[in-house]
C-alpha atoms as a PDB file:
ATOM      1  CA  MET A   1       0.331 -10.783  -0.148  1.00  0.00           C
ATOM      2  CA  GLU A   2       3.741 -11.640   1.250  1.00  0.00           C
ATOM      3  CA  ASP A   3       2.931 -15.355   1.180  1.00  0.00           C
ATOM      4  CA  GLN A   4       2.193 -15.175  -2.533  1.00  0.00           C
ATOM      5  CA  THR A   5       5.392 -13.271  -3.180  1.00  0.00           C
ATOM      6  CA  SER A   6       7.438 -15.774  -1.170  1.00  0.00           C
ATOM      7  CA  LEU A   7       5.872 -18.642  -3.089  1.00  0.00           C
ATOM      8  CA  LEU A   8       6.587 -17.000  -6.436  1.00  0.00           C
ATOM      9  CA  LEU A   9      10.187 -16.224  -5.466  1.00  0.00           C
ATOM     10  CA  GLY A  10      10.629 -19.808  -4.301  1.00  0.00           C
ATOM     11  CA  ILE A  11       9.467 -21.132  -7.652  1.00  0.00           C
ATOM     12  CA  VAL A  12      11.647 -18.691  -9.604  1.00  0.00           C
ATOM     13  CA  PHE A  13      14.802 -19.287  -7.554  1.00  0.00           C
ATOM     14  CA  SER A  14      14.265 -23.058  -7.590  1.00  0.00           C
ATOM     15  CA  GLY A  15      13.895 -23.070 -11.372  1.00  0.00           C
ATOM     16  CA  ILE A  16      17.071 -21.060 -11.789  1.00  0.00           C
ATOM     17  CA  GLY A  17      18.741 -23.366  -9.270  1.00  0.00           C
ATOM     18  CA  VAL A  18      17.923 -26.405 -11.397  1.00  0.00           C
ATOM     19  CA  GLY A  19      19.632 -24.726 -14.333  1.00  0.00           C
ATOM     20  CA  TYR A  20      22.715 -23.874 -12.263  1.00  0.00           C
ATOM     21  CA  PHE A  21      22.817 -27.414 -10.870  1.00  0.00           C
ATOM     22  CA  LEU A  22      22.616 -29.059 -14.290  1.00  0.00           C
ATOM     23  CA  TYR A  23      25.224 -26.691 -15.718  1.00  0.00           C
ATOM     24  CA  GLY A  24      27.565 -27.310 -12.795  1.00  0.00           C
ATOM     25  CA  LYS A  25      27.133 -31.060 -13.088  1.00  0.00           C
ATOM     26  CA  ARG A  26      27.779 -31.165 -16.844  1.00  0.00           C
ATOM     27  CA  GLN A  27      30.689 -28.725 -16.810  1.00  0.00           C
ATOM     28  CA  GLN A  28      32.101 -30.060 -13.526  1.00  0.00           C
ATOM     29  CA  HIS A  29      31.964 -26.556 -12.045  1.00  0.00           C
ATOM     30  CA  LEU A  30      31.594 -27.000  -8.284  1.00  0.00           C
ATOM     31  CA  VAL A  31      30.550 -23.414  -7.499  1.00  0.00           C
ATOM     32  CA  SER A  32      27.638 -23.525  -9.956  1.00  0.00           C
ATOM     33  CA  LEU A  33      26.588 -26.923  -8.652  1.00  0.00           C
ATOM     34  CA  LEU A  34      26.562 -25.765  -5.024  1.00  0.00           C
ATOM     35  CA  CYS A  35      24.802 -22.498  -5.849  1.00  0.00           C
ATOM     36  CA  GLY A  36      22.160 -24.504  -7.691  1.00  0.00           C
ATOM     37  CA  LEU A  37      21.588 -26.662  -4.636  1.00  0.00           C
ATOM     38  CA  LEU A  38      21.398 -23.571  -2.452  1.00  0.00           C
ATOM     39  CA  LEU A  39      18.909 -21.880  -4.766  1.00  0.00           C
ATOM     40  CA  MET A  40      16.711 -24.974  -4.853  1.00  0.00           C
ATOM     41  CA  GLY A  41      16.529 -25.376  -1.090  1.00  0.00           C
ATOM     42  CA  PHE A  42      17.034 -22.170   0.839  1.00  0.00           C
ATOM     43  CA  THR A  43      13.462 -20.901   0.426  1.00  0.00           C
ATOM     44  CA  TYR A  44      12.243 -23.711   2.687  1.00  0.00           C
ATOM     45  CA  PHE A  45      14.202 -22.238   5.584  1.00  0.00           C
ATOM     46  CA  VAL A  46      13.966 -18.465   4.978  1.00  0.00           C
ATOM     47  CA  SER A  47      10.637 -16.678   5.263  1.00  0.00           C
ATOM     48  CA  ASP A  48      11.602 -12.990   5.186  1.00  0.00           C
ATOM     49  CA  LEU A  49      11.108 -11.411   1.771  1.00  0.00           C
ATOM     50  CA  TRP A  50      14.222  -9.205   1.743  1.00  0.00           C
ATOM     51  CA  VAL A  51      16.476 -11.959   3.077  1.00  0.00           C
ATOM     52  CA  THR A  52      15.122 -14.301   0.411  1.00  0.00           C
ATOM     53  CA  LEU A  53      15.909 -11.757  -2.297  1.00  0.00           C
ATOM     54  CA  ALA A  54      19.398 -11.100  -0.914  1.00  0.00           C
ATOM     55  CA  ILE A  55      20.338 -14.782  -0.666  1.00  0.00           C
ATOM     56  CA  GLY A  56      18.821 -15.629  -4.046  1.00  0.00           C
ATOM     57  CA  LEU A  57      20.472 -12.794  -5.934  1.00  0.00           C
ATOM     58  CA  GLY A  58      23.776 -13.387  -4.147  1.00  0.00           C
ATOM     59  CA  ALA A  59      23.747 -17.086  -4.994  1.00  0.00           C
ATOM     60  CA  MET A  60      22.923 -16.269  -8.611  1.00  0.00           C
ATOM     61  CA  ALA A  61      25.817 -13.798  -8.867  1.00  0.00           C
ATOM     62  CA  LEU A  62      28.432 -15.906  -7.046  1.00  0.00           C
ATOM     63  CA  PRO A  63      29.417 -18.200  -9.967  1.00  0.00           C
ATOM     64  CA  PHE A  64      29.955 -15.170 -12.201  1.00  0.00           C
ATOM     65  CA  LEU A  65      32.042 -13.376  -9.577  1.00  0.00           C
ATOM     66  CA  LEU A  66      34.248 -16.401  -8.850  1.00  0.00           C
ATOM     67  CA  ARG A  67      34.756 -17.330 -12.512  1.00  0.00           C
ATOM     68  CA  ALA A  68      37.349 -14.602 -13.093  1.00  0.00           C
END
């Protein structure tokens, strides 16, 4: 069950990461670009479910927190 959840989270976070990457590239926003790269690749190196959720949600929130 955990393998299926990890796979699904990897697909979701990678898809969101592509969006962040493209936005960061077009708008020349470095934080969004780097968070997109992180979201696309970190699931290959992290296998724990809760750590995956923490890193993914943190990387998704970081561009919004640093924008102000």
